[in-house]
Amino acid sequence: MPKTKKLPRRIPKFKSEAAERRFWAAADSTDYIDWRKARRVRLPNLHPSTRVISIRLPEMMIEQLKVQANKRDVPYQSLLKMYVAEKLAEELRSPA
């Protein structure tokens, strides 16, 4: 007897994003989605979510950061993010 293909269940409607999160945290997505039909997509305009933080730096350090940022023609906050990202990547590459 040939195996019958199980049809995916219908995804319920959710009243809120929180309700949907709770559902997917407990549900098996393979019961609702046939992942064999999935296709890779690119989302070139998707930006990672960010969160505002407050950090205290000496004024001289901020001025030096602004000078370096000006030389690179980037905002100083962006340069600071670049510095942090570079250091994090370096730390993650090196053995503990």
PDB file of N, CA and C in Angstrom:
ATOM      1  N   MET A   1       0.850  -1.186   0.000  1.00  0.00           N
ATOM      2  CA  MET A   1       0.000   0.000   0.000  1.00  0.00           C
ATOM      3  C   MET A   1       0.890   1.242   0.000  1.00  0.00           C
ATOM      4  N   PRO A   2       0.708   2.178  -0.959  1.00  0.00           N
ATOM      5  CA  PRO A   2       1.545   3.381  -1.017  1.00  0.00           C
ATOM      6  C   PRO A   2       1.267   4.305   0.156  1.00  0.00           C
ATOM      7  N   LYS A   3       2.338   5.012   0.576  1.00  0.00           N
ATOM      8  CA  LYS A   3       2.174   5.980   1.661  1.00  0.00           C
ATOM      9  C   LYS A   3       1.342   7.155   1.181  1.00  0.00           C
ATOM     10  N   THR A   4       0.399   7.555   1.990  1.00  0.00           N
ATOM     11  CA  THR A   4      -0.392   8.735   1.637  1.00  0.00           C
ATOM     12  C   THR A   4       0.298   9.961   2.217  1.00  0.00           C
ATOM     13  N   LYS A   5       0.340  10.984   1.405  1.00  0.00           N
ATOM     14  CA  LYS A   5       0.983  12.221   1.835  1.00  0.00           C
ATOM     15  C   LYS A   5       0.062  12.965   2.790  1.00  0.00           C
ATOM     16  N   LYS A   6       0.596  13.273   3.968  1.00  0.00           N
ATOM     17  CA  LYS A   6      -0.184  13.993   4.973  1.00  0.00           C
ATOM     18  C   LYS A   6      -0.282  15.467   4.569  1.00  0.00           C
ATOM     19  N   LEU A   7      -1.488  15.963   4.469  1.00  0.00           N
ATOM     20  CA  LEU A   7      -1.686  17.371   4.117  1.00  0.00           C
ATOM     21  C   LEU A   7      -1.369  18.249   5.313  1.00  0.00           C
ATOM     22  N   PRO A   8      -0.717  19.376   5.067  1.00  0.00           N
ATOM     23  CA  PRO A   8      -0.412  20.281   6.189  1.00  0.00           C
ATOM     24  C   PRO A   8      -1.692  20.833   6.809  1.00  0.00           C
ATOM     25  N   ARG A   9      -1.615  21.062   8.100  1.00  0.00           N
ATOM     26  CA  ARG A   9      -2.752  21.686   8.795  1.00  0.00           C
ATOM     27  C   ARG A   9      -2.827  23.152   8.417  1.00  0.00           C
ATOM     28  N   ARG A  10      -3.981  23.731   8.614  1.00  0.00           N
ATOM     29  CA  ARG A  10      -4.173  25.164   8.350  1.00  0.00           C
ATOM     30  C   ARG A  10      -3.617  25.968   9.533  1.00  0.00           C
ATOM     31  N   ILE A  11      -2.818  26.984   9.219  1.00  0.00           N
ATOM     32  CA  ILE A  11      -2.247  27.841  10.264  1.00  0.00           C
ATOM     33  C   ILE A  11      -3.364  28.712  10.828  1.00  0.00           C
ATOM     34  N   PRO A  12      -3.530  28.712  12.158  1.00  0.00           N
ATOM     35  CA  PRO A  12      -4.622  29.509  12.743  1.00  0.00           C
ATOM     36  C   PRO A  12      -4.374  31.006  12.627  1.00  0.00           C
ATOM     37  N   LYS A  13      -5.429  31.773  12.785  1.00  0.00           N
ATOM     38  CA  LYS A  13      -5.328  33.235  12.844  1.00  0.00           C
ATOM     39  C   LYS A  13      -5.000  33.602  14.288  1.00  0.00           C
ATOM     40  N   PHE A  14      -4.183  34.625  14.461  1.00  0.00           N
ATOM     41  CA  PHE A  14      -3.752  35.010  15.801  1.00  0.00           C
ATOM     42  C   PHE A  14      -4.246  36.410  16.135  1.00  0.00           C
ATOM     43  N   LYS A  15      -4.580  36.605  17.405  1.00  0.00           N
ATOM     44  CA  LYS A  15      -5.066  37.912  17.841  1.00  0.00           C
ATOM     45  C   LYS A  15      -3.925  38.896  18.067  1.00  0.00           C
ATOM     46  N   SER A  16      -2.726  38.364  18.293  1.00  0.00           N
ATOM     47  CA  SER A  16      -1.581  39.245  18.546  1.00  0.00           C
ATOM     48  C   SER A  16      -0.297  38.526  18.161  1.00  0.00           C
ATOM     49  N   GLU A  17       0.759  39.300  18.044  1.00  0.00           N
ATOM     50  CA  GLU A  17       2.068  38.720  17.746  1.00  0.00           C
ATOM     51  C   GLU A  17       2.527  37.837  18.908  1.00  0.00           C
ATOM     52  N   ALA A  18       2.193  38.239  20.126  1.00  0.00           N
ATOM     53  CA  ALA A  18       2.572  37.440  21.302  1.00  0.00           C
ATOM     54  C   ALA A  18       1.885  36.078  21.262  1.00  0.00           C
ATOM     55  N   ALA A  19       0.613  36.054  20.863  1.00  0.00           N
ATOM     56  CA  ALA A  19      -0.109  34.781  20.759  1.00  0.00           C
ATOM     57  C   ALA A  19       0.521  33.894  19.687  1.00  0.00           C
ATOM     58  N   GLU A  20       0.919  34.515  18.586  1.00  0.00           N
ATOM     59  CA  GLU A  20       1.564  33.741  17.525  1.00  0.00           C
ATOM     60  C   GLU A  20       2.905  33.192  18.000  1.00  0.00           C
ATOM     61  N   ARG A  21       3.663  33.975  18.742  1.00  0.00           N
ATOM     62  CA  ARG A  21       4.945  33.496  19.269  1.00  0.00           C
ATOM     63  C   ARG A  21       4.746  32.289  20.193  1.00  0.00           C
ATOM     64  N   ARG A  22       3.747  32.387  21.076  1.00  0.00           N
ATOM     65  CA  ARG A  22       3.469  31.264  21.988  1.00  0.00           C
ATOM     66  C   ARG A  22       3.105  30.012  21.197  1.00  0.00           C
ATOM     67  N   PHE A  23       2.294  30.198  20.155  1.00  0.00           N
ATOM     68  CA  PHE A  23       1.878  29.061  19.334  1.00  0.00           C
ATOM     69  C   PHE A  23       3.079  28.378  18.697  1.00  0.00           C
ATOM     70  N   TRP A  24       3.936  29.158  18.016  1.00  0.00           N
ATOM     71  CA  TRP A  24       5.065  28.567  17.300  1.00  0.00           C
ATOM     72  C   TRP A  24       6.127  28.025  18.245  1.00  0.00           C
ATOM     73  N   ALA A  25       6.181  28.541  19.471  1.00  0.00           N
ATOM     74  CA  ALA A  25       7.132  28.004  20.449  1.00  0.00           C
ATOM     75  C   ALA A  25       6.753  26.574  20.844  1.00  0.00           C
ATOM     76  N   ALA A  26       5.458  26.253  20.754  1.00  0.00           N
ATOM     77  CA  ALA A  26       4.995  24.926  21.159  1.00  0.00           C
ATOM     78  C   ALA A  26       4.669  24.019  19.970  1.00  0.00           C
ATOM     79  N   ALA A  27       4.392  24.583  18.805  1.00  0.00           N
ATOM     80  CA  ALA A  27       3.950  23.795  17.647  1.00  0.00           C
ATOM     81  C   ALA A  27       5.130  23.283  16.826  1.00  0.00           C
ATOM     82  N   ASP A  28       4.907  22.199  16.123  1.00  0.00           N
ATOM     83  CA  ASP A  28       5.889  21.668  15.173  1.00  0.00           C
ATOM     84  C   ASP A  28       5.525  22.231  13.807  1.00  0.00           C
ATOM     85  N   SER A  29       6.409  23.054  13.246  1.00  0.00           N
ATOM     86  CA  SER A  29       6.097  23.731  11.986  1.00  0.00           C
ATOM     87  C   SER A  29       5.875  22.753  10.839  1.00  0.00           C
ATOM     88  N   THR A  30       6.446  21.550  10.928  1.00  0.00           N
ATOM     89  CA  THR A  30       6.269  20.578   9.839  1.00  0.00           C
ATOM     90  C   THR A  30       4.827  20.072   9.755  1.00  0.00           C
ATOM     91  N   ASP A  31       4.054  20.295  10.803  1.00  0.00           N
ATOM     92  CA  ASP A  31       2.624  19.955  10.746  1.00  0.00           C
ATOM     93  C   ASP A  31       1.839  20.991   9.941  1.00  0.00           C
ATOM     94  N   TYR A  32       2.424  22.150   9.714  1.00  0.00           N
ATOM     95  CA  TYR A  32       1.721  23.262   9.068  1.00  0.00           C
ATOM     96  C   TYR A  32       2.340  23.704   7.747  1.00  0.00           C
ATOM     97  N   ILE A  33       3.607  23.382   7.549  1.00  0.00           N
ATOM     98  CA  ILE A  33       4.320  23.858   6.361  1.00  0.00           C
ATOM     99  C   ILE A  33       5.054  22.689   5.725  1.00  0.00           C
ATOM    100  N   ASP A  34       4.947  22.561   4.412  1.00  0.00           N
ATOM    101  CA  ASP A  34       5.715  21.548   3.688  1.00  0.00           C
ATOM    102  C   ASP A  34       7.050  22.195   3.314  1.00  0.00           C
ATOM    103  N   TRP A  35       8.050  21.978   4.142  1.00  0.00           N
ATOM    104  CA  TRP A  35       9.341  22.633   3.964  1.00  0.00           C
ATOM    105  C   TRP A  35      10.063  22.173   2.704  1.00  0.00           C
ATOM    106  N   ARG A  36       9.642  21.060   2.116  1.00  0.00           N
ATOM    107  CA  ARG A  36      10.265  20.613   0.859  1.00  0.00           C
ATOM    108  C   ARG A  36       9.962  21.592  -0.272  1.00  0.00           C
ATOM    109  N   LYS A  37       8.899  22.360  -0.145  1.00  0.00           N
ATOM    110  CA  LYS A  37       8.525  23.340  -1.164  1.00  0.00           C
ATOM    111  C   LYS A  37       9.118  24.724  -0.880  1.00  0.00           C
ATOM    112  N   ALA A  38       9.841  24.842   0.205  1.00  0.00           N
ATOM    113  CA  ALA A  38      10.403  26.144   0.594  1.00  0.00           C
ATOM    114  C   ALA A  38      11.493  26.566  -0.383  1.00  0.00           C
ATOM    115  N   ARG A  39      11.619  27.851  -0.589  1.00  0.00           N
ATOM    116  CA  ARG A  39      12.640  28.429  -1.453  1.00  0.00           C
ATOM    117  C   ARG A  39      13.409  29.477  -0.661  1.00  0.00           C
ATOM    118  N   ARG A  40      14.698  29.575  -0.927  1.00  0.00           N
ATOM    119  CA  ARG A  40      15.500  30.619  -0.289  1.00  0.00           C
ATOM    120  C   ARG A  40      15.138  31.967  -0.909  1.00  0.00           C
ATOM    121  N   VAL A  41      15.092  32.979  -0.063  1.00  0.00           N
ATOM    122  CA  VAL A  41      14.830  34.337  -0.542  1.00  0.00           C
ATOM    123  C   VAL A  41      15.890  35.268   0.018  1.00  0.00           C
ATOM    124  N   ARG A  42      16.089  36.364  -0.668  1.00  0.00           N
ATOM    125  CA  ARG A  42      16.986  37.413  -0.189  1.00  0.00           C
ATOM    126  C   ARG A  42      16.144  38.607   0.211  1.00  0.00           C
ATOM    127  N   LEU A  43      16.501  39.192   1.326  1.00  0.00           N
ATOM    128  CA  LEU A  43      15.819  40.384   1.814  1.00  0.00           C
ATOM    129  C   LEU A  43      16.865  41.484   1.964  1.00  0.00           C
ATOM    130  N   PRO A  44      17.261  42.105   0.846  1.00  0.00           N
ATOM    131  CA  PRO A  44      18.380  43.043   0.885  1.00  0.00           C
ATOM    132  C   PRO A  44      18.112  44.315   1.688  1.00  0.00           C
ATOM    133  N   ASN A  45      16.872  44.678   1.866  1.00  0.00           N
ATOM    134  CA  ASN A  45      16.571  45.920   2.581  1.00  0.00           C
ATOM    135  C   ASN A  45      16.218  45.692   4.043  1.00  0.00           C
ATOM    136  N   LEU A  46      16.364  44.454   4.512  1.00  0.00           N
ATOM    137  CA  LEU A  46      16.042  44.136   5.897  1.00  0.00           C
ATOM    138  C   LEU A  46      17.208  44.555   6.783  1.00  0.00           C
ATOM    139  N   HIS A  47      16.934  45.366   7.753  1.00  0.00           N
ATOM    140  CA  HIS A  47      17.963  45.843   8.666  1.00  0.00           C
ATOM    141  C   HIS A  47      17.796  45.140  10.008  1.00  0.00           C
ATOM    142  N   PRO A  48      18.905  44.791  10.654  1.00  0.00           N
ATOM    143  CA  PRO A  48      18.775  44.149  11.964  1.00  0.00           C
ATOM    144  C   PRO A  48      18.121  45.109  12.947  1.00  0.00           C
ATOM    145  N   SER A  49      17.342  44.547  13.847  1.00  0.00           N
ATOM    146  CA  SER A  49      16.703  45.410  14.836  1.00  0.00           C
ATOM    147  C   SER A  49      17.774  45.978  15.756  1.00  0.00           C
ATOM    148  N   THR A  50      17.544  47.177  16.198  1.00  0.00           N
ATOM    149  CA  THR A  50      18.507  47.852  17.054  1.00  0.00           C
ATOM    150  C   THR A  50      17.821  48.292  18.335  1.00  0.00           C
ATOM    151  N   ARG A  51      18.640  48.554  19.328  1.00  0.00           N
ATOM    152  CA  ARG A  51      18.125  49.045  20.598  1.00  0.00           C
ATOM    153  C   ARG A  51      19.008  50.195  21.044  1.00  0.00           C
ATOM    154  N   VAL A  52      18.391  51.225  21.536  1.00  0.00           N
ATOM    155  CA  VAL A  52      19.120  52.392  22.017  1.00  0.00           C
ATOM    156  C   VAL A  52      19.722  52.058  23.379  1.00  0.00           C
ATOM    157  N   ILE A  53      21.010  52.386  23.522  1.00  0.00           N
ATOM    158  CA  ILE A  53      21.660  52.234  24.824  1.00  0.00           C
ATOM    159  C   ILE A  53      22.299  53.555  25.200  1.00  0.00           C
ATOM    160  N   SER A  54      22.632  53.684  26.457  1.00  0.00           N
ATOM    161  CA  SER A  54      23.327  54.871  26.930  1.00  0.00           C
ATOM    162  C   SER A  54      24.695  54.424  27.408  1.00  0.00           C
ATOM    163  N   ILE A  55      25.725  55.122  26.969  1.00  0.00           N
ATOM    164  CA  ILE A  55      27.089  54.793  27.365  1.00  0.00           C
ATOM    165  C   ILE A  55      27.818  56.088  27.687  1.00  0.00           C
ATOM    166  N   ARG A  56      28.531  56.083  28.787  1.00  0.00           N
ATOM    167  CA  ARG A  56      29.279  57.266  29.184  1.00  0.00           C
ATOM    168  C   ARG A  56      30.721  57.109  28.714  1.00  0.00           C
ATOM    169  N   LEU A  57      31.172  58.080  27.948  1.00  0.00           N
ATOM    170  CA  LEU A  57      32.553  58.096  27.470  1.00  0.00           C
ATOM    171  C   LEU A  57      33.169  59.437  27.823  1.00  0.00           C
ATOM    172  N   PRO A  58      34.472  59.452  28.065  1.00  0.00           N
ATOM    173  CA  PRO A  58      35.126  60.743  28.314  1.00  0.00           C
ATOM    174  C   PRO A  58      34.971  61.648  27.090  1.00  0.00           C
ATOM    175  N   GLU A  59      34.804  62.944  27.339  1.00  0.00           N
ATOM    176  CA  GLU A  59      34.611  63.894  26.244  1.00  0.00           C
ATOM    177  C   GLU A  59      35.750  63.847  25.242  1.00  0.00           C
ATOM    178  N   MET A  60      36.969  63.681  25.711  1.00  0.00           N
ATOM    179  CA  MET A  60      38.117  63.620  24.814  1.00  0.00           C
ATOM    180  C   MET A  60      37.995  62.419  23.865  1.00  0.00           C
ATOM    181  N   MET A  61      37.524  61.301  24.374  1.00  0.00           N
ATOM    182  CA  MET A  61      37.355  60.115  23.537  1.00  0.00           C
ATOM    183  C   MET A  61      36.297  60.365  22.460  1.00  0.00           C
ATOM    184  N   ILE A  62      35.232  61.042  22.826  1.00  0.00           N
ATOM    185  CA  ILE A  62      34.175  61.354  21.859  1.00  0.00           C
ATOM    186  C   ILE A  62      34.712  62.289  20.777  1.00  0.00           C
ATOM    187  N   GLU A  63      35.490  63.283  21.189  1.00  0.00           N
ATOM    188  CA  GLU A  63      36.074  64.213  20.211  1.00  0.00           C
ATOM    189  C   GLU A  63      37.019  63.485  19.260  1.00  0.00           C
ATOM    190  N   GLN A  64      37.842  62.585  19.792  1.00  0.00           N
ATOM    191  CA  GLN A  64      38.749  61.810  18.946  1.00  0.00           C
ATOM    192  C   GLN A  64      37.966  60.917  17.986  1.00  0.00           C
ATOM    193  N   LEU A  65      36.891  60.338  18.481  1.00  0.00           N
ATOM    194  CA  LEU A  65      36.030  59.496  17.650  1.00  0.00           C
ATOM    195  C   LEU A  65      35.413  60.324  16.521  1.00  0.00           C
ATOM    196  N   LYS A  66      34.982  61.539  16.838  1.00  0.00           N
ATOM    197  CA  LYS A  66      34.400  62.408  15.816  1.00  0.00           C
ATOM    198  C   LYS A  66      35.431  62.787  14.749  1.00  0.00           C
ATOM    199  N   VAL A  67      36.665  63.038  15.168  1.00  0.00           N
ATOM    200  CA  VAL A  67      37.725  63.371  14.211  1.00  0.00           C
ATOM    201  C   VAL A  67      37.963  62.188  13.269  1.00  0.00           C
ATOM    202  N   GLN A  68      38.079  60.981  13.838  1.00  0.00           N
ATOM    203  CA  GLN A  68      38.302  59.793  13.017  1.00  0.00           C
ATOM    204  C   GLN A  68      37.112  59.535  12.082  1.00  0.00           C
ATOM    205  N   ALA A  69      35.919  59.745  12.588  1.00  0.00           N
ATOM    206  CA  ALA A  69      34.715  59.547  11.770  1.00  0.00           C
ATOM    207  C   ALA A  69      34.689  60.549  10.618  1.00  0.00           C
ATOM    208  N   ASN A  70      35.059  61.785  10.908  1.00  0.00           N
ATOM    209  CA  ASN A  70      35.094  62.818   9.878  1.00  0.00           C
ATOM    210  C   ASN A  70      36.077  62.448   8.767  1.00  0.00           C
ATOM    211  N   LYS A  71      37.229  61.897   9.139  1.00  0.00           N
ATOM    212  CA  LYS A  71      38.222  61.472   8.142  1.00  0.00           C
ATOM    213  C   LYS A  71      37.654  60.386   7.224  1.00  0.00           C
ATOM    214  N   ARG A  72      36.771  59.552   7.787  1.00  0.00           N
ATOM    215  CA  ARG A  72      36.178  58.457   7.003  1.00  0.00           C
ATOM    216  C   ARG A  72      34.844  58.849   6.375  1.00  0.00           C
ATOM    217  N   ASP A  73      34.382  60.055   6.680  1.00  0.00           N
ATOM    218  CA  ASP A  73      33.106  60.561   6.164  1.00  0.00           C
ATOM    219  C   ASP A  73      31.930  59.679   6.573  1.00  0.00           C
ATOM    220  N   VAL A  74      31.927  59.304   7.863  1.00  0.00           N
ATOM    221  CA  VAL A  74      30.807  58.528   8.421  1.00  0.00           C
ATOM    222  C   VAL A  74      30.390  59.186   9.738  1.00  0.00           C
ATOM    223  N   PRO A  75      29.159  58.984  10.159  1.00  0.00           N
ATOM    224  CA  PRO A  75      28.758  59.499  11.476  1.00  0.00           C
ATOM    225  C   PRO A  75      29.568  58.818  12.584  1.00  0.00           C
ATOM    226  N   TYR A  76      29.836  59.544  13.638  1.00  0.00           N
ATOM    227  CA  TYR A  76      30.679  58.970  14.687  1.00  0.00           C
ATOM    228  C   TYR A  76      30.025  57.780  15.381  1.00  0.00           C
ATOM    229  N   GLN A  77      28.685  57.769  15.478  1.00  0.00           N
ATOM    230  CA  GLN A  77      28.019  56.613  16.075  1.00  0.00           C
ATOM    231  C   GLN A  77      28.240  55.369  15.216  1.00  0.00           C
ATOM    232  N   SER A  78      28.214  55.542  13.892  1.00  0.00           N
ATOM    233  CA  SER A  78      28.452  54.417  12.984  1.00  0.00           C
ATOM    234  C   SER A  78      29.886  53.906  13.129  1.00  0.00           C
ATOM    235  N   LEU A  79      30.829  54.813  13.267  1.00  0.00           N
ATOM    236  CA  LEU A  79      32.218  54.403  13.450  1.00  0.00           C
ATOM    237  C   LEU A  79      32.373  53.635  14.764  1.00  0.00           C
ATOM    238  N   LEU A  80      31.720  54.095  15.795  1.00  0.00           N
ATOM    239  CA  LEU A  80      31.768  53.401  17.078  1.00  0.00           C
ATOM    240  C   LEU A  80      31.206  51.980  16.941  1.00  0.00           C
ATOM    241  N   LYS A  81      30.088  51.842  16.222  1.00  0.00           N
ATOM    242  CA  LYS A  81      29.518  50.503  15.979  1.00  0.00           C
ATOM    243  C   LYS A  81      30.503  49.631  15.207  1.00  0.00           C
ATOM    244  N   MET A  82      31.195  50.219  14.234  1.00  0.00           N
ATOM    245  CA  MET A  82      32.181  49.462  13.459  1.00  0.00           C
ATOM    246  C   MET A  82      33.307  48.985  14.364  1.00  0.00           C
ATOM    247  N   TYR A  83      33.788  49.848  15.238  1.00  0.00           N
ATOM    248  CA  TYR A  83      34.859  49.473  16.167  1.00  0.00           C
ATOM    249  C   TYR A  83      34.409  48.325  17.090  1.00  0.00           C
ATOM    250  N   VAL A  84      33.219  48.441  17.616  1.00  0.00           N
ATOM    251  CA  VAL A  84      32.705  47.394  18.511  1.00  0.00           C
ATOM    252  C   VAL A  84      32.544  46.083  17.752  1.00  0.00           C
ATOM    253  N   ALA A  85      31.983  46.142  16.537  1.00  0.00           N
ATOM    254  CA  ALA A  85      31.787  44.926  15.736  1.00  0.00           C
ATOM    255  C   ALA A  85      33.119  44.259  15.414  1.00  0.00           C
ATOM    256  N   GLU A  86      34.138  45.068  15.061  1.00  0.00           N
ATOM    257  CA  GLU A  86      35.465  44.518  14.751  1.00  0.00           C
ATOM    258  C   GLU A  86      36.070  43.820  15.968  1.00  0.00           C
ATOM    259  N   LYS A  87      35.959  44.444  17.117  1.00  0.00           N
ATOM    260  CA  LYS A  87      36.541  43.867  18.333  1.00  0.00           C
ATOM    261  C   LYS A  87      35.796  42.592  18.728  1.00  0.00           C
ATOM    262  N   LEU A  88      34.480  42.596  18.607  1.00  0.00           N
ATOM    263  CA  LEU A  88      33.705  41.394  18.915  1.00  0.00           C
ATOM    264  C   LEU A  88      34.087  40.245  17.989  1.00  0.00           C
ATOM    265  N   ALA A  89      34.205  40.525  16.697  1.00  0.00           N
ATOM    266  CA  ALA A  89      34.585  39.490  15.733  1.00  0.00           C
ATOM    267  C   ALA A  89      35.967  38.948  16.069  1.00  0.00           C
ATOM    268  N   GLU A  90      36.892  39.834  16.428  1.00  0.00           N
ATOM    269  CA  GLU A  90      38.247  39.416  16.806  1.00  0.00           C
ATOM    270  C   GLU A  90      38.220  38.508  18.027  1.00  0.00           C
ATOM    271  N   GLU A  91      37.442  38.890  19.033  1.00  0.00           N
ATOM    272  CA  GLU A  91      37.343  38.098  20.261  1.00  0.00           C
ATOM    273  C   GLU A  91      36.707  36.732  19.990  1.00  0.00           C
ATOM    274  N   LEU A  92      35.719  36.707  19.107  1.00  0.00           N
ATOM    275  CA  LEU A  92      35.043  35.436  18.802  1.00  0.00           C
ATOM    276  C   LEU A  92      35.948  34.487  18.005  1.00  0.00           C
ATOM    277  N   ARG A  93      36.875  35.051  17.216  1.00  0.00           N
ATOM    278  CA  ARG A  93      37.790  34.232  16.427  1.00  0.00           C
ATOM    279  C   ARG A  93      38.895  33.609  17.275  1.00  0.00           C
ATOM    280  N   SER A  94      39.335  34.336  18.296  1.00  0.00           N
ATOM    281  CA  SER A  94      40.470  33.852  19.081  1.00  0.00           C
ATOM    282  C   SER A  94      40.027  32.801  20.092  1.00  0.00           C
ATOM    283  N   PRO A  95      40.878  31.775  20.294  1.00  0.00           N
ATOM    284  CA  PRO A  95      40.519  30.736  21.275  1.00  0.00           C
ATOM    285  C   PRO A  95      40.488  31.303  22.682  1.00  0.00           C
ATOM    286  N   ALA A  96      39.605  30.783  23.466  1.00  0.00           N
ATOM    287  CA  ALA A  96      39.425  31.283  24.848  1.00  0.00           C
ATOM    288  C   ALA A  96      40.561  30.890  25.752  1.00  0.00           C
TER     289      ALA A  96
END
